[in-house]
Amino acid sequence: HAPSIVRAGTAMAVWRGIVGFFTFFAAFALKQAAAPAWVFGAVIVASAVGNAAGTLVAPALRRRFREEWILSGALLVPALPLVFAARSYGRPALVLAAASVAAASACGRVAFDSLLQRDGAEAARGRAFARFETRFQLAWVAGGLVAVLFAGGGRSGIFAVALILLFAGLSYANATRVATGPAPPG
């Protein structure tokens, strides 16, 4: 277990927990607001579009930045639109939040996979991918469980996601900076 992989795995577990939380949180928030079915569909489409965008953007970012810094950005960048979504909470804000969460999560996933291939021992990569994916699925379930137990409303849920991402992103960026030195000029 290379330290870079352990740090990145922890960051991705946070991401998967956030995605699990947001999936259930959005569904419960819309159901509680008695939103029409098309709003559920809009959130799902926004999430799919965000996922595709993150998957397409990540390889371009990899040409300019190390995987660790992409993963840091994937945690930090969506915090700002999520704060705005929490501030102006409503259906459009929830759609924006879904797109932001999905795009950044997909971008982080590509960065993590690349980092694992770069730093992982060749003979153990298959096992490492399986082990991490199992942990990520458990994090997703834990996030969904937190959403089921979450007593706050839509605004506070989105704001909580923004705060968690901000904390996780700053923690991961600092741990990476300490371990590898400052990022090279972009």
Protein backbone atom coordinates (compact mmCIF):
# COMPACT_ATOMS: atom_id res chain seq x y z
CA HIS A 1 0.00 0.00 0.00
CA ALA A 2 1.75 3.10 -1.25
CA PRO A 3 0.92 6.14 0.90
CA SER A 4 -0.31 8.01 -2.18
CA ILE A 5 -2.83 5.25 -2.88
CA VAL A 6 -4.05 5.12 0.74
CA ARG A 7 -4.58 8.91 0.78
CA ALA A 8 -6.36 8.87 -2.57
CA GLY A 9 -8.46 5.86 -1.52
CA THR A 10 -9.62 7.74 1.55
CA ALA A 11 -10.52 10.77 -0.55
CA MET A 12 -12.47 8.60 -2.98
CA ALA A 13 -14.28 6.86 -0.12
CA VAL A 14 -15.44 10.29 1.03
CA TRP A 15 -16.61 10.97 -2.54
CA ARG A 16 -18.51 7.72 -2.75
CA GLY A 17 -20.14 8.44 0.60
CA ILE A 18 -21.15 11.88 -0.67
CA VAL A 19 -22.62 10.37 -3.84
CA GLY A 20 -24.58 7.82 -1.79
CA PHE A 21 -25.81 10.55 0.53
CA PHE A 22 -26.75 12.89 -2.30
CA THR A 23 -28.59 10.20 -4.25
CA PHE A 24 -30.94 9.41 -1.38
CA PHE A 25 -31.02 12.95 -0.03
CA ALA A 26 -32.20 14.37 -3.39
CA ALA A 27 -34.86 11.69 -3.75
CA PHE A 28 -36.17 12.29 -0.22
CA ALA A 29 -36.07 16.09 -0.61
CA LEU A 30 -38.07 15.90 -3.84
CA LYS A 31 -40.53 13.41 -2.39
CA GLN A 32 -41.04 15.55 0.72
CA ALA A 33 -41.68 18.59 -1.49
CA ALA A 34 -44.17 16.55 -3.56
CA ALA A 35 -42.20 17.43 -6.70
CA PRO A 36 -43.59 16.20 -10.01
CA ALA A 37 -41.93 13.25 -11.73
CA TRP A 38 -40.24 15.48 -14.33
CA VAL A 39 -38.14 17.10 -11.57
CA PHE A 40 -36.85 13.66 -10.53
CA GLY A 41 -36.03 13.10 -14.21
CA ALA A 42 -34.26 16.48 -14.47
CA VAL A 43 -32.06 15.60 -11.48
CA ILE A 44 -31.22 12.22 -13.00
CA VAL A 45 -30.41 13.77 -16.39
CA ALA A 46 -28.27 16.48 -14.75
CA SER A 47 -26.41 13.80 -12.86
CA ALA A 48 -25.82 11.77 -16.03
CA VAL A 49 -24.65 14.84 -17.96
CA GLY A 50 -22.36 15.80 -15.07
CA ASN A 51 -20.95 12.29 -14.93
CA ALA A 52 -20.23 12.33 -18.67
CA ALA A 53 -18.66 15.79 -18.45
CA GLY A 54 -16.39 14.75 -15.58
CA THR A 55 -15.32 11.61 -17.42
CA LEU A 56 -14.51 13.65 -20.54
CA VAL A 57 -12.69 16.47 -18.73
CA ALA A 58 -10.46 14.27 -16.55
CA PRO A 59 -8.15 13.03 -19.35
CA ALA A 60 -7.54 16.61 -20.50
CA LEU A 61 -6.70 17.59 -16.93
CA ARG A 62 -4.30 14.64 -16.65
CA ARG A 63 -2.22 16.12 -19.47
CA ARG A 64 -1.59 19.22 -17.34
CA PHE A 65 -1.82 18.11 -13.70
CA ARG A 66 -0.82 15.20 -11.49
CA GLU A 67 -3.61 12.87 -10.40
CA GLU A 68 -3.33 14.01 -6.78
CA TRP A 69 -4.10 17.61 -7.72
CA ILE A 70 -7.00 16.57 -9.95
CA LEU A 71 -8.47 14.62 -7.05
CA SER A 72 -7.96 17.61 -4.74
CA GLY A 73 -9.74 19.83 -7.25
CA ALA A 74 -12.53 17.30 -7.65
CA LEU A 75 -13.17 17.64 -3.92
CA LEU A 76 -12.76 21.42 -3.71
CA VAL A 77 -14.27 22.81 -6.93
CA PRO A 78 -17.88 21.65 -6.45
CA ALA A 79 -18.03 23.21 -2.97
CA LEU A 80 -18.65 26.70 -4.43
CA PRO A 81 -21.61 25.81 -6.69
CA LEU A 82 -23.02 23.73 -3.83
CA VAL A 83 -22.89 26.72 -1.49
CA PHE A 84 -24.76 28.77 -4.10
CA ALA A 85 -27.24 25.91 -4.56
CA ALA A 86 -27.83 25.79 -0.81
CA ARG A 87 -28.24 29.55 -0.63
CA SER A 88 -30.85 29.68 -3.39
CA TYR A 89 -32.38 26.29 -2.68
CA GLY A 90 -35.12 25.13 -5.02
CA ARG A 91 -35.60 22.79 -7.95
CA PRO A 92 -33.00 24.48 -10.23
CA ALA A 93 -30.51 24.51 -7.36
CA LEU A 94 -30.98 20.79 -6.77
CA VAL A 95 -30.43 20.11 -10.47
CA LEU A 96 -27.24 22.23 -10.40
CA ALA A 97 -26.06 20.41 -7.28
CA ALA A 98 -26.66 17.01 -8.89
CA ALA A 99 -24.64 18.00 -11.97
CA SER A 100 -21.80 19.39 -9.82
CA VAL A 101 -21.59 16.34 -7.59
CA ALA A 102 -21.67 13.91 -10.52
CA ALA A 103 -19.09 15.79 -12.62
CA ALA A 104 -16.57 16.17 -9.83
CA SER A 105 -17.06 12.61 -8.63
CA ALA A 106 -16.46 11.21 -12.13
CA CYS A 107 -13.37 13.36 -12.55
CA GLY A 108 -12.05 12.17 -9.20
CA ARG A 109 -12.75 8.54 -10.08
CA VAL A 110 -10.68 8.78 -13.27
CA ALA A 111 -7.84 10.45 -11.33
CA PHE A 112 -7.95 7.76 -8.65
CA ASP A 113 -7.90 4.93 -11.19
CA SER A 114 -4.91 6.53 -12.93
CA LEU A 115 -3.10 7.05 -9.64
CA LEU A 116 -3.66 3.42 -8.65
CA GLN A 117 -2.27 2.27 -12.00
CA ARG A 118 0.68 4.63 -11.66
CA ASP A 119 1.68 3.84 -8.05
CA GLY A 120 0.29 0.35 -7.48
CA ALA A 121 2.42 -2.75 -7.80
CA GLU A 122 1.65 -4.37 -11.13
CA ALA A 123 1.12 -7.82 -9.61
CA ALA A 124 -1.39 -6.50 -7.06
CA ARG A 125 -3.43 -4.05 -9.16
CA GLY A 126 -6.38 -6.35 -9.77
CA ARG A 127 -6.72 -7.14 -6.08
CA ALA A 128 -6.26 -3.48 -5.18
CA PHE A 129 -9.00 -2.36 -7.59
CA ALA A 130 -11.37 -5.00 -6.19
CA ARG A 131 -10.54 -4.13 -2.57
CA PHE A 132 -10.98 -0.41 -3.12
CA GLU A 133 -14.19 -0.86 -5.08
CA THR A 134 -15.63 -2.92 -2.23
CA ARG A 135 -14.72 -0.18 0.25
CA PHE A 136 -16.19 2.46 -2.06
CA GLN A 137 -19.47 0.56 -2.34
CA LEU A 138 -19.64 0.32 1.45
CA ALA A 139 -18.97 4.07 1.69
CA TRP A 140 -21.81 4.66 -0.81
CA VAL A 141 -24.17 2.58 1.34
CA ALA A 142 -23.05 4.41 4.49
CA GLY A 143 -23.71 7.74 2.77
CA GLY A 144 -27.17 6.56 1.75
CA LEU A 145 -27.86 5.47 5.32
CA VAL A 146 -26.85 8.89 6.62
CA ALA A 147 -29.30 10.44 4.14
CA VAL A 148 -32.08 8.22 5.46
CA LEU A 149 -31.33 9.39 9.00
CA PHE A 150 -30.67 13.02 8.02
CA ALA A 151 -33.18 15.31 9.72
CA GLY A 152 -32.26 18.54 7.93
CA GLY A 153 -33.98 20.00 4.93
CA GLY A 154 -32.81 20.51 1.37
CA ARG A 155 -30.82 23.65 1.99
CA SER A 156 -28.93 22.20 4.98
CA GLY A 157 -28.22 18.92 3.16
CA ILE A 158 -26.59 20.62 0.21
CA PHE A 159 -24.65 22.93 2.52
CA ALA A 160 -23.45 19.93 4.56
CA VAL A 161 -22.18 18.28 1.37
CA ALA A 162 -20.31 21.48 0.46
CA LEU A 163 -18.68 21.66 3.89
CA ILE A 164 -17.66 18.00 3.86
CA LEU A 165 -16.15 18.37 0.39
CA LEU A 166 -14.32 21.52 1.40
CA PHE A 167 -12.88 19.87 4.51
CA ALA A 168 -11.97 16.65 2.67
CA GLY A 169 -10.43 18.57 -0.24
CA LEU A 170 -8.30 20.80 1.97
CA SER A 171 -7.22 17.82 4.09
CA TYR A 172 -6.28 15.74 1.06
CA ALA A 173 -4.49 18.64 -0.66
CA ASN A 174 -2.50 19.36 2.50
CA ALA A 175 -1.58 15.70 3.03
CA THR A 176 -0.51 15.45 -0.61
CA ARG A 177 1.45 18.70 -0.45
CA VAL A 178 3.29 17.58 2.67
CA ALA A 179 4.08 14.17 1.15
CA THR A 180 5.05 15.26 -2.38
CA GLY A 181 5.96 18.90 -2.17
CA PRO A 182 4.20 21.79 -3.88
CA ALA A 183 2.41 21.30 -7.19
CA PRO A 184 4.41 22.18 -10.29
CA PRO A 185 3.40 25.40 -12.04
CA GLY A 186 0.52 24.67 -14.44
